[in-house]
C-alpha atoms as a PDB file:
ATOM      1  CA  GLU A   1       6.209   9.420 -20.876  1.00  0.00           C
ATOM      2  CA  GLU A   2       5.787   5.704 -21.166  1.00  0.00           C
ATOM      3  CA  PHE A   3       7.469   2.319 -21.165  1.00  0.00           C
ATOM      4  CA  ASN A   4       7.376   1.525 -24.862  1.00  0.00           C
ATOM      5  CA  SER A   5       9.427   1.118 -28.035  1.00  0.00           C
ATOM      6  CA  GLY A   6      12.692   1.093 -26.081  1.00  0.00           C
ATOM      7  CA  SER A   7      12.380   4.810 -25.334  1.00  0.00           C
ATOM      8  CA  LEU A   8      13.413   6.098 -21.919  1.00  0.00           C
ATOM      9  CA  ALA A   9      13.765   9.804 -22.678  1.00  0.00           C
ATOM     10  CA  GLY A  10      14.503  11.843 -19.556  1.00  0.00           C
ATOM     11  CA  TYR A  11      15.833   8.893 -17.572  1.00  0.00           C
ATOM     12  CA  THR A  12      19.327   7.715 -16.683  1.00  0.00           C
ATOM     13  CA  VAL A  13      19.902   4.002 -17.199  1.00  0.00           C
ATOM     14  CA  TYR A  14      22.945   3.038 -15.131  1.00  0.00           C
ATOM     15  CA  ILE A  15      24.359  -0.370 -16.081  1.00  0.00           C
ATOM     16  CA  PRO A  16      27.658  -1.234 -14.354  1.00  0.00           C
ATOM     17  CA  LYS A  17      29.580  -4.456 -15.213  1.00  0.00           C
ATOM     18  CA  ALA A  18      26.858  -5.262 -17.705  1.00  0.00           C
ATOM     19  CA  GLY A  19      27.997  -8.340 -19.634  1.00  0.00           C
ATOM     20  CA  PRO A  20      26.267  -9.967 -22.616  1.00  0.00           C
ATOM     21  CA  ASP A  21      23.267 -11.354 -20.694  1.00  0.00           C
ATOM     22  CA  PHE A  22      22.363  -8.146 -18.900  1.00  0.00           C
ATOM     23  CA  ASP A  23      19.088  -6.439 -19.792  1.00  0.00           C
ATOM     24  CA  VAL A  24      17.628  -3.127 -18.608  1.00  0.00           C
ATOM     25  CA  THR A  25      15.131  -2.131 -21.248  1.00  0.00           C
ATOM     26  CA  SER A  26      11.754  -0.633 -22.009  1.00  0.00           C
ATOM     27  CA  ARG A  27       9.250  -2.903 -23.731  1.00  0.00           C
ATOM     28  CA  PRO A  28       5.678  -2.314 -24.931  1.00  0.00           C
ATOM     29  CA  GLY A  29       3.696  -1.832 -21.744  1.00  0.00           C
ATOM     30  CA  TYR A  30       6.382  -2.399 -19.123  1.00  0.00           C
ATOM     31  CA  PHE A  31      10.017  -1.993 -18.090  1.00  0.00           C
ATOM     32  CA  ARG A  32      12.122  -5.116 -17.568  1.00  0.00           C
ATOM     33  CA  MET A  33      15.220  -5.486 -15.434  1.00  0.00           C
ATOM     34  CA  THR A  34      17.176  -8.759 -15.739  1.00  0.00           C
ATOM     35  CA  LEU A  35      20.438  -9.573 -13.958  1.00  0.00           C
ATOM     36  CA  PRO A  36      22.459 -12.663 -14.974  1.00  0.00           C
ATOM     37  CA  GLY A  37      23.578 -15.094 -12.282  1.00  0.00           C
ATOM     38  CA  THR A  38      27.253 -14.852 -13.282  1.00  0.00           C
ATOM     39  CA  THR A  39      28.234 -12.211 -10.712  1.00  0.00           C
ATOM     40  CA  SER A  40      26.849  -9.976  -7.973  1.00  0.00           C
ATOM     41  CA  PHE A  41      25.497  -6.451  -8.577  1.00  0.00           C
ATOM     42  CA  HIS A  42      25.956  -4.842  -5.177  1.00  0.00           C
ATOM     43  CA  HIS A  43      25.557  -1.219  -4.100  1.00  0.00           C
ATOM     44  CA  TRP A  44      27.512  -0.414  -0.956  1.00  0.00           C
ATOM     45  CA  THR A  45      29.788   2.320   0.389  1.00  0.00           C
ATOM     46  CA  GLY A  46      32.769   1.097  -1.643  1.00  0.00           C
ATOM     47  CA  SER A  47      31.081   0.133  -4.906  1.00  0.00           C
ATOM     48  CA  ASP A  48      28.144   1.193  -7.079  1.00  0.00           C
ATOM     49  CA  GLU A  49      27.362  -1.941  -9.098  1.00  0.00           C
ATOM     50  CA  ALA A  50      23.573  -2.173  -8.859  1.00  0.00           C
ATOM     51  CA  PRO A  51      21.733  -1.399 -12.140  1.00  0.00           C
ATOM     52  CA  GLN A  52      19.328   1.529 -11.901  1.00  0.00           C
ATOM     53  CA  LEU A  53      16.730   3.468 -13.849  1.00  0.00           C
ATOM     54  CA  ARG A  54      16.759   6.970 -12.350  1.00  0.00           C
ATOM     55  CA  ARG A  55      15.211  10.381 -12.866  1.00  0.00           C
ATOM     56  CA  ASP A  56      16.524  13.578 -11.294  1.00  0.00           C
ATOM     57  CA  LEU A  57      14.441  15.153  -8.543  1.00  0.00           C
ATOM     58  CA  SER A  58      14.401  18.644  -7.029  1.00  0.00           C
ATOM     59  CA  LEU A  59      11.377  18.461  -4.732  1.00  0.00           C
ATOM     60  CA  ASN A  60      11.206  18.628  -0.962  1.00  0.00           C
ATOM     61  CA  ASP A  61       8.180  16.353  -0.528  1.00  0.00           C
ATOM     62  CA  TRP A  62       7.022  13.656  -2.918  1.00  0.00           C
ATOM     63  CA  SER A  63       5.727  10.133  -3.417  1.00  0.00           C
ATOM     64  CA  ILE A  64       7.117   7.543  -5.858  1.00  0.00           C
ATOM     65  CA  GLU A  65       5.174   4.397  -6.729  1.00  0.00           C
ATOM     66  CA  THR A  66       5.513   1.312  -8.940  1.00  0.00           C
ATOM     67  CA  ASN A  67       3.881  -2.038  -9.646  1.00  0.00           C
ATOM     68  CA  MET A  68       6.375  -4.906  -9.913  1.00  0.00           C
ATOM     69  CA  GLU A  69       6.252  -8.593 -10.772  1.00  0.00           C
ATOM     70  CA  LEU A  70       9.242 -10.653  -9.694  1.00  0.00           C
ATOM     71  CA  THR A  71       9.517 -13.159 -12.540  1.00  0.00           C
ATOM     72  CA  GLN A  72      12.770 -14.954 -11.633  1.00  0.00           C
ATOM     73  CA  TYR A  73      15.231 -15.396  -8.774  1.00  0.00           C
ATOM     74  CA  THR A  74      17.653 -18.299  -8.373  1.00  0.00           C
ATOM     75  CA  GLY A  75      18.766 -17.646  -4.802  1.00  0.00           C
ATOM     76  CA  GLU A  76      18.541 -15.266  -1.893  1.00  0.00           C
ATOM     77  CA  GLN A  77      20.609 -12.162  -1.021  1.00  0.00           C
ATOM     78  CA  PHE A  78      18.873  -9.613  -3.231  1.00  0.00           C
ATOM     79  CA  VAL A  79      16.603  -6.556  -3.118  1.00  0.00           C
ATOM     80  CA  ILE A  80      14.751  -5.297  -6.199  1.00  0.00           C
ATOM     81  CA  GLY A  81      12.295  -2.398  -6.348  1.00  0.00           C
ATOM     82  CA  LEU A  82      12.361   1.365  -5.726  1.00  0.00           C
ATOM     83  CA  CYS A  83      15.451   3.428  -4.990  1.00  0.00           C
ATOM     84  CA  VAL A  84      16.211   6.865  -3.555  1.00  0.00           C
ATOM     85  CA  TYR A  85      19.637   7.905  -4.823  1.00  0.00           C
ATOM     86  CA  PHE A  86      21.753  10.337  -2.825  1.00  0.00           C
ATOM     87  CA  SER A  87      25.160   9.537  -4.354  1.00  0.00           C
ATOM     88  CA  ALA A  88      27.227   6.700  -5.815  1.00  0.00           C
ATOM     89  CA  SER A  89      27.915   5.523  -2.256  1.00  0.00           C
ATOM     90  CA  ASP A  90      24.570   6.352  -0.651  1.00  0.00           C
ATOM     91  CA  MET A  91      21.126   4.989  -1.550  1.00  0.00           C
ATOM     92  CA  ILE A  92      17.856   3.722  -0.062  1.00  0.00           C
ATOM     93  CA  TYR A  93      16.501   0.649  -1.855  1.00  0.00           C
ATOM     94  CA  PHE A  94      13.126  -0.940  -1.081  1.00  0.00           C
ATOM     95  CA  GLY A  95      11.327  -4.009  -2.448  1.00  0.00           C
ATOM     96  CA  PHE A  96      11.268  -7.778  -2.491  1.00  0.00           C
ATOM     97  CA  ALA A  97      14.199  -9.053  -0.407  1.00  0.00           C
ATOM     98  CA  ASN A  98      15.526 -12.619  -0.755  1.00  0.00           C
ATOM     99  CA  ASN A  99      12.095 -14.003  -1.750  1.00  0.00           C
ATOM    100  CA  THR A 100       8.486 -12.978  -2.450  1.00  0.00           C
ATOM    101  CA  ASN A 101       7.461 -13.298   1.199  1.00  0.00           C
ATOM    102  CA  THR A 102       9.615 -10.479   2.556  1.00  0.00           C
ATOM    103  CA  ILE A 103       9.677  -6.712   1.940  1.00  0.00           C
ATOM    104  CA  LYS A 104      12.744  -4.815   3.148  1.00  0.00           C
ATOM    105  CA  ALA A 105      14.375  -1.412   2.841  1.00  0.00           C
ATOM    106  CA  PHE A 106      18.101  -0.786   3.210  1.00  0.00           C
ATOM    107  CA  ARG A 107      20.229   2.365   3.474  1.00  0.00           C
ATOM    108  CA  THR A 108      23.778   2.100   2.204  1.00  0.00           C
ATOM    109  CA  GLY A 109      26.099   1.862   5.192  1.00  0.00           C
ATOM    110  CA  ALA A 110      23.218   1.648   7.679  1.00  0.00           C
ATOM    111  CA  GLY A 111      21.801  -1.792   6.895  1.00  0.00           C
ATOM    112  CA  MET A 112      18.113  -2.642   7.045  1.00  0.00           C
ATOM    113  CA  ILE A 113      15.858   0.313   7.942  1.00  0.00           C
ATOM    114  CA  ALA A 114      12.405  -1.279   7.428  1.00  0.00           C
ATOM    115  CA  GLY A 115      10.838  -4.656   6.809  1.00  0.00           C
ATOM    116  CA  ALA A 116       7.595  -6.634   6.713  1.00  0.00           C
ATOM    117  CA  SER A 117       6.193  -9.977   5.634  1.00  0.00           C
ATOM    118  CA  TYR A 118       4.122 -10.229   2.435  1.00  0.00           C
ATOM    119  CA  SER A 119       1.623 -12.850   1.266  1.00  0.00           C
ATOM    120  CA  GLY A 120       0.469 -11.411  -2.071  1.00  0.00           C
ATOM    121  CA  GLY A 121       2.618 -13.585  -4.354  1.00  0.00           C
ATOM    122  CA  GLN A 122       5.045 -12.351  -7.021  1.00  0.00           C
ATOM    123  CA  ILE A 123       3.237  -9.069  -7.811  1.00  0.00           C
ATOM    124  CA  ILE A 124       3.379  -6.066  -5.498  1.00  0.00           C
ATOM    125  CA  ASP A 125       2.738  -2.313  -5.408  1.00  0.00           C
ATOM    126  CA  LEU A 126       5.557  -0.335  -3.776  1.00  0.00           C
ATOM    127  CA  ARG A 127       5.550   3.289  -2.634  1.00  0.00           C
ATOM    128  CA  ILE A 128       7.957   5.635  -0.862  1.00  0.00           C
ATOM    129  CA  VAL A 129       6.437   8.837   0.568  1.00  0.00           C
ATOM    130  CA  LYS A 130       8.716  11.659   1.694  1.00  0.00           C
ATOM    131  CA  ILE A 131       7.302  14.463   3.857  1.00  0.00           C
ATOM    132  CA  GLY A 132       9.849  16.727   5.470  1.00  0.00           C
ATOM    133  CA  SER A 133      12.695  14.524   6.678  1.00  0.00           C
ATOM    134  CA  GLN A 134      10.567  11.386   7.076  1.00  0.00           C
ATOM    135  CA  TYR A 135      10.406   8.579   4.516  1.00  0.00           C
ATOM    136  CA  SER A 136       7.457   6.187   4.741  1.00  0.00           C
ATOM    137  CA  LEU A 137       8.101   2.831   3.028  1.00  0.00           C
ATOM    138  CA  GLU A 138       4.793   1.302   1.941  1.00  0.00           C
ATOM    139  CA  PHE A 139       3.438  -1.689   0.021  1.00  0.00           C
ATOM    140  CA  LYS A 140       0.195  -3.445  -0.924  1.00  0.00           C
ATOM    141  CA  SER A 141      -1.170  -6.206  -3.126  1.00  0.00           C
ATOM    142  CA  SER A 142      -2.324  -5.148  -6.580  1.00  0.00           C
ATOM    143  CA  GLY A 143      -6.012  -4.260  -6.607  1.00  0.00           C
ATOM    144  CA  VAL A 144      -6.056  -3.485  -2.874  1.00  0.00           C
ATOM    145  CA  THR A 145      -6.688   0.147  -1.936  1.00  0.00           C
ATOM    146  CA  THR A 146      -5.063   0.278   1.525  1.00  0.00           C
ATOM    147  CA  TRP A 147      -1.307   0.735   1.805  1.00  0.00           C
ATOM    148  CA  GLN A 148       0.653  -1.025   4.564  1.00  0.00           C
ATOM    149  CA  THR A 149       3.749   0.499   6.129  1.00  0.00           C
ATOM    150  CA  ALA A 150       6.961  -1.520   6.287  1.00  0.00           C
ATOM    151  CA  GLY A 151       8.561   1.229   8.353  1.00  0.00           C
ATOM    152  CA  THR A 152       9.651   4.870   8.427  1.00  0.00           C
ATOM    153  CA  TYR A 153      13.080   6.472   8.228  1.00  0.00           C
ATOM    154  CA  ASN A 154      14.345   9.978   8.948  1.00  0.00           C
ATOM    155  CA  GLU A 155      16.865  11.688   6.668  1.00  0.00           C
ATOM    156  CA  SER A 156      17.275  15.438   6.181  1.00  0.00           C
ATOM    157  CA  SER A 157      19.317  15.248   2.939  1.00  0.00           C
ATOM    158  CA  ILE A 158      17.534  15.926  -0.359  1.00  0.00           C
ATOM    159  CA  PRO A 159      18.118  13.055  -2.823  1.00  0.00           C
ATOM    160  CA  ALA A 160      19.479  13.654  -6.313  1.00  0.00           C
ATOM    161  CA  ASP A 161      17.386  10.989  -8.097  1.00  0.00           C
ATOM    162  CA  VAL A 162      14.637   8.424  -7.603  1.00  0.00           C
ATOM    163  CA  GLY A 163      13.790   5.332  -9.611  1.00  0.00           C
ATOM    164  CA  LEU A 164      14.230   1.555  -9.793  1.00  0.00           C
ATOM    165  CA  VAL A 165      17.123  -0.666  -8.740  1.00  0.00           C
ATOM    166  CA  GLY A 166      18.234  -4.294  -8.736  1.00  0.00           C
ATOM    167  CA  ASN A 167      20.741  -5.184  -6.009  1.00  0.00           C
ATOM    168  CA  THR A 168      22.341  -8.601  -5.423  1.00  0.00           C
ATOM    169  CA  TRP A 169      24.937  -9.691  -2.866  1.00  0.00           C
ATOM    170  CA  ALA A 170      25.686 -13.007  -4.603  1.00  0.00           C
ATOM    171  CA  SER A 171      25.620 -14.540  -8.107  1.00  0.00           C
ATOM    172  CA  ILE A 172      21.843 -14.668  -8.498  1.00  0.00           C
ATOM    173  CA  ALA A 173      19.824 -14.610 -11.709  1.00  0.00           C
ATOM    174  CA  LEU A 174      17.129 -12.001 -11.083  1.00  0.00           C
ATOM    175  CA  SER A 175      14.360 -10.569 -13.274  1.00  0.00           C
ATOM    176  CA  ALA A 176      11.388  -8.268 -12.668  1.00  0.00           C
ATOM    177  CA  ASP A 177       8.823  -6.421 -14.794  1.00  0.00           C
ATOM    178  CA  PHE A 178       7.600  -2.950 -13.780  1.00  0.00           C
ATOM    179  CA  ASP A 179       4.207  -1.817 -15.144  1.00  0.00           C
ATOM    180  CA  TYR A 180       4.593   1.860 -14.282  1.00  0.00           C
ATOM    181  CA  LEU A 181       6.661   4.396 -12.374  1.00  0.00           C
ATOM    182  CA  ARG A 182       4.738   7.357 -10.939  1.00  0.00           C
ATOM    183  CA  LEU A 183       5.940  10.417  -9.031  1.00  0.00           C
ATOM    184  CA  THR A 184       3.632  12.886  -7.293  1.00  0.00           C
ATOM    185  CA  SER A 185       4.482  15.986  -5.283  1.00  0.00           C
ATOM    186  CA  SER A 186       3.271  17.665  -2.122  1.00  0.00           C
ATOM    187  CA  PRO A 187       1.471  19.084  -0.325  1.00  0.00           C
ATOM    188  CA  SER A 188      -1.608  17.026  -1.169  1.00  0.00           C
ATOM    189  CA  MET A 189       0.346  14.284  -2.967  1.00  0.00           C
ATOM    190  CA  ASN A 190      -1.891  14.513  -6.033  1.00  0.00           C
ATOM    191  CA  LYS A 191       0.237  16.538  -8.449  1.00  0.00           C
ATOM    192  CA  GLN A 192       1.607  14.054 -10.933  1.00  0.00           C
ATOM    193  CA  ILE A 193       5.091  14.961 -12.162  1.00  0.00           C
ATOM    194  CA  PHE A 194       5.529  12.050 -14.504  1.00  0.00           C
ATOM    195  CA  GLU A 195       4.048   8.647 -15.152  1.00  0.00           C
ATOM    196  CA  MET A 196       5.446   5.808 -17.193  1.00  0.00           C
ATOM    197  CA  ALA A 197       2.677   3.364 -18.095  1.00  0.00           C
ATOM    198  CA  THR A 198       0.861   1.902 -21.065  1.00  0.00           C
ATOM    199  CA  GLU A 199      -2.349   0.036 -21.699  1.00  0.00           C
ATOM    200  CA  THR A 200      -1.526  -2.320 -24.569  1.00  0.00           C
ATOM    201  CA  ASP A 201      -3.957  -5.190 -24.074  1.00  0.00           C
ATOM    202  CA  ILE A 202      -6.548  -3.621 -26.390  1.00  0.00           C
ATOM    203  CA  ILE A 203      -5.287  -2.038 -29.623  1.00  0.00           C
ATOM    204  CA  PRO A 204      -7.603   0.759 -30.827  1.00  0.00           C
ATOM    205  CA  ASP A 205      -8.985   0.331 -34.359  1.00  0.00           C
ATOM    206  CA  LYS A 206      -8.637   4.050 -35.128  1.00  0.00           C
ATOM    207  CA  LEU A 207      -6.816   7.151 -33.948  1.00  0.00           C
ATOM    208  CA  ALA A 208      -8.545   9.112 -31.176  1.00  0.00           C
ATOM    209  CA  ILE A 209      -7.413  12.089 -29.082  1.00  0.00           C
ATOM    210  CA  SER A 210      -9.308  13.111 -25.941  1.00  0.00           C
ATOM    211  CA  GLN A 211      -9.843  16.584 -24.585  1.00  0.00           C
ATOM    212  CA  SER A 212      -7.540  17.473 -21.720  1.00  0.00           C
ATOM    213  CA  TYR A 213      -8.789  16.572 -18.246  1.00  0.00           C
ATOM    214  CA  PRO A 214      -9.178  18.253 -15.874  1.00  0.00           C
ATOM    215  CA  ASN A 215      -9.635  21.556 -17.655  1.00  0.00           C
ATOM    216  CA  PRO A 216      -9.485  24.136 -16.098  1.00  0.00           C
ATOM    217  CA  PHE A 217      -6.749  22.690 -13.857  1.00  0.00           C
ATOM    218  CA  ASN A 218      -4.443  23.928 -11.118  1.00  0.00           C
ATOM    219  CA  MET A 219      -1.901  21.131 -10.652  1.00  0.00           C
ATOM    220  CA  ASP A 220      -1.962  18.541 -13.434  1.00  0.00           C
ATOM    221  CA  THR A 221      -3.844  17.859 -16.652  1.00  0.00           C
ATOM    222  CA  ALA A 222      -3.613  15.070 -19.219  1.00  0.00           C
ATOM    223  CA  ILE A 223      -4.758  14.002 -22.660  1.00  0.00           C
ATOM    224  CA  GLU A 224      -5.349  10.413 -23.722  1.00  0.00           C
ATOM    225  CA  LEU A 225      -4.100   9.056 -27.059  1.00  0.00           C
ATOM    226  CA  GLN A 226      -5.543   5.960 -28.725  1.00  0.00           C
ATOM    227  CA  LEU A 227      -3.031   4.844 -31.338  1.00  0.00           C
ATOM    228  CA  PRO A 228      -3.901   2.037 -33.765  1.00  0.00           C
ATOM    229  CA  GLU A 229      -0.241   1.615 -34.805  1.00  0.00           C
ATOM    230  CA  LEU A 230       3.296   2.609 -33.861  1.00  0.00           C
ATOM    231  CA  SER A 231       3.459   6.388 -34.320  1.00  0.00           C
ATOM    232  CA  GLU A 232       5.863   9.266 -33.844  1.00  0.00           C
ATOM    233  CA  VAL A 233       4.311  11.619 -31.297  1.00  0.00           C
ATOM    234  CA  SER A 234       5.302  15.215 -30.563  1.00  0.00           C
ATOM    235  CA  VAL A 235       3.551  17.215 -27.830  1.00  0.00           C
ATOM    236  CA  VAL A 236       4.544  20.835 -27.131  1.00  0.00           C
ATOM    237  CA  ILE A 237       3.054  23.434 -24.774  1.00  0.00           C
ATOM    238  CA  TYR A 238       2.906  27.116 -25.833  1.00  0.00           C
ATOM    239  CA  ASN A 239       1.515  30.143 -24.018  1.00  0.00           C
ATOM    240  CA  SER A 240      -1.275  32.276 -25.470  1.00  0.00           C
ATOM    241  CA  ARG A 241       1.328  34.416 -27.309  1.00  0.00           C
ATOM    242  CA  GLY A 242       2.766  31.399 -29.084  1.00  0.00           C
ATOM    243  CA  GLN A 243       5.939  31.272 -26.995  1.00  0.00           C
ATOM    244  CA  PHE A 244       7.466  27.863 -26.317  1.00  0.00           C
ATOM    245  CA  ILE A 245       6.946  26.549 -22.759  1.00  0.00           C
ATOM    246  CA  LYS A 246       7.821  22.849 -22.724  1.00  0.00           C
ATOM    247  CA  GLN A 247       8.034  19.738 -24.893  1.00  0.00           C
ATOM    248  CA  LEU A 248       6.207  16.873 -23.194  1.00  0.00           C
ATOM    249  CA  CYS A 249       6.916  14.144 -25.719  1.00  0.00           C
ATOM    250  CA  ASN A 250       8.970  13.596 -28.877  1.00  0.00           C
ATOM    251  CA  GLN A 251       9.306   9.874 -29.510  1.00  0.00           C
ATOM    252  CA  ASN A 252       7.864   6.768 -31.125  1.00  0.00           C
ATOM    253  CA  ILE A 253       4.961   5.312 -29.145  1.00  0.00           C
ATOM    254  CA  ALA A 254       3.573   1.812 -29.563  1.00  0.00           C
ATOM    255  CA  ALA A 255      -0.037   1.061 -30.517  1.00  0.00           C
ATOM    256  CA  GLY A 256      -2.345   1.257 -27.512  1.00  0.00           C
ATOM    257  CA  THR A 257      -3.925   3.761 -25.149  1.00  0.00           C
ATOM    258  CA  HIS A 258      -1.539   6.267 -23.579  1.00  0.00           C
ATOM    259  CA  ARG A 259      -1.743   9.324 -21.312  1.00  0.00           C
ATOM    260  CA  ILE A 260       0.462  12.404 -21.539  1.00  0.00           C
ATOM    261  CA  HIS A 261       0.531  14.737 -18.531  1.00  0.00           C
ATOM    262  CA  TRP A 262       1.529  18.359 -18.021  1.00  0.00           C
ATOM    263  CA  ASP A 263       2.176  19.643 -14.504  1.00  0.00           C
ATOM    264  CA  GLY A 264       2.153  23.384 -15.297  1.00  0.00           C
ATOM    265  CA  THR A 265       5.924  23.820 -15.442  1.00  0.00           C
ATOM    266  CA  THR A 266       8.378  25.100 -18.052  1.00  0.00           C
ATOM    267  CA  VAL A 267      11.231  23.203 -19.669  1.00  0.00           C
ATOM    268  CA  ASN A 268      13.393  24.429 -16.756  1.00  0.00           C
ATOM    269  CA  GLY A 269      10.966  23.140 -14.137  1.00  0.00           C
ATOM    270  CA  ASP A 270       9.619  26.566 -13.149  1.00  0.00           C
ATOM    271  CA  ALA A 271       5.899  26.894 -12.419  1.00  0.00           C
ATOM    272  CA  VAL A 272       4.003  28.955 -14.988  1.00  0.00           C
ATOM    273  CA  SER A 273       1.448  31.623 -14.090  1.00  0.00           C
ATOM    274  CA  SER A 274      -2.309  31.280 -14.409  1.00  0.00           C
ATOM    275  CA  GLY A 275      -3.669  31.706 -17.896  1.00  0.00           C
ATOM    276  CA  LEU A 276      -4.454  30.080 -21.231  1.00  0.00           C
ATOM    277  CA  TYR A 277      -1.984  27.629 -22.774  1.00  0.00           C
ATOM    278  CA  ILE A 278      -2.019  25.710 -26.040  1.00  0.00           C
ATOM    279  CA  LEU A 279      -1.119  22.045 -26.363  1.00  0.00           C
ATOM    280  CA  HIS A 280       0.158  21.271 -29.876  1.00  0.00           C
ATOM    281  CA  LEU A 281       0.106  17.586 -30.834  1.00  0.00           C
ATOM    282  CA  ARG A 282       1.587  16.062 -33.999  1.00  0.00           C
ATOM    283  CA  ILE A 283       1.184  12.347 -34.790  1.00  0.00           C
ATOM    284  CA  THR A 284       3.061  10.756 -37.696  1.00  0.00           C
ATOM    285  CA  ASP A 285       2.130   7.220 -38.762  1.00  0.00           C
ATOM    286  CA  ASP A 286       4.351   4.600 -40.430  1.00  0.00           C
ATOM    287  CA  ALA A 287       3.454   5.931 -43.863  1.00  0.00           C
ATOM    288  CA  GLY A 288       4.661   9.418 -42.921  1.00  0.00           C
ATOM    289  CA  LYS A 289       1.182  10.971 -42.738  1.00  0.00           C
ATOM    290  CA  ASN A 290       0.923  13.817 -40.199  1.00  0.00           C
ATOM    291  CA  GLU A 291      -2.108  14.566 -38.047  1.00  0.00           C
ATOM    292  CA  ILE A 292      -2.102  17.895 -36.145  1.00  0.00           C
ATOM    293  CA  TYR A 293      -4.270  18.610 -33.088  1.00  0.00           C
ATOM    294  CA  THR A 294      -4.470  21.480 -30.607  1.00  0.00           C
ATOM    295  CA  ARG A 295      -6.051  21.703 -27.169  1.00  0.00           C
ATOM    296  CA  LYS A 296      -6.638  24.808 -25.055  1.00  0.00           C
ATOM    297  CA  LEU A 297      -5.562  24.417 -21.422  1.00  0.00           C
ATOM    298  CA  LEU A 298      -6.695  26.851 -18.734  1.00  0.00           C
ATOM    299  CA  LEU A 299      -4.462  26.965 -15.663  1.00  0.00           C
ATOM    300  CA  THR A 300      -5.992  28.531 -12.545  1.00  0.00           C
ATOM    301  CA  LYS A 301      -4.221  29.027  -9.211  1.00  0.00           C
END
């Protein structure tokens, strides 16, 4: 699943008090969130006004990560970045706060729960790691391998959704671009549930489909698509008896290099058993020409 062609299948885009200048949209290669400076967009115990891109979550332990560039802010009193959504009146939000020199996390009704200074400019990597009841709120400069911790927070409740949020306490024009949104699960934090990202700087000159990797696999496998033009892409997983397991993709995808992952679960989110599975891929170009590919996937546990 990727940020491209305006498609956000599987995600909830929540846009309260939108107005004509409001923009929460997927673009080729990134996701943009823009708030006009005509009013505030505040999430607090009595109001849920902050725009959000959310995906439902039913995991005990996980990690969510994004890369963000803050492209505009006309004043202070804002937080933009990752969110952990418990309810319309209860959320953790974590990211740039008031400027590009400060990272903060807030819990609705509890105030600030973590904070740190930042000297990496307008671009930042953000991550929230949940293990048990502890949330670790982390950040780093792009290209740096070591994560820094802004703070930790304990909460036993299981959130309903995770995603991105823009939150303002005053009439501030605010805009940020997100390059990807990645969720991984426990216990080793290396099972990728979904990733939204694209590599659009280099447009392939011809269609190419990789073999799945890793294969055999026991947690996650992926194929890479190199698309020379906008194409309709359908990816479906079947078991060795030809029975439907899950549709991974059914949407238009922009030209570029893209990855499609399968985490070994069914359409209902249940883990499948070890065995042989078939990935069926159909690509339809602008002229309506279909290309069909299959890949054998061996799941071992």
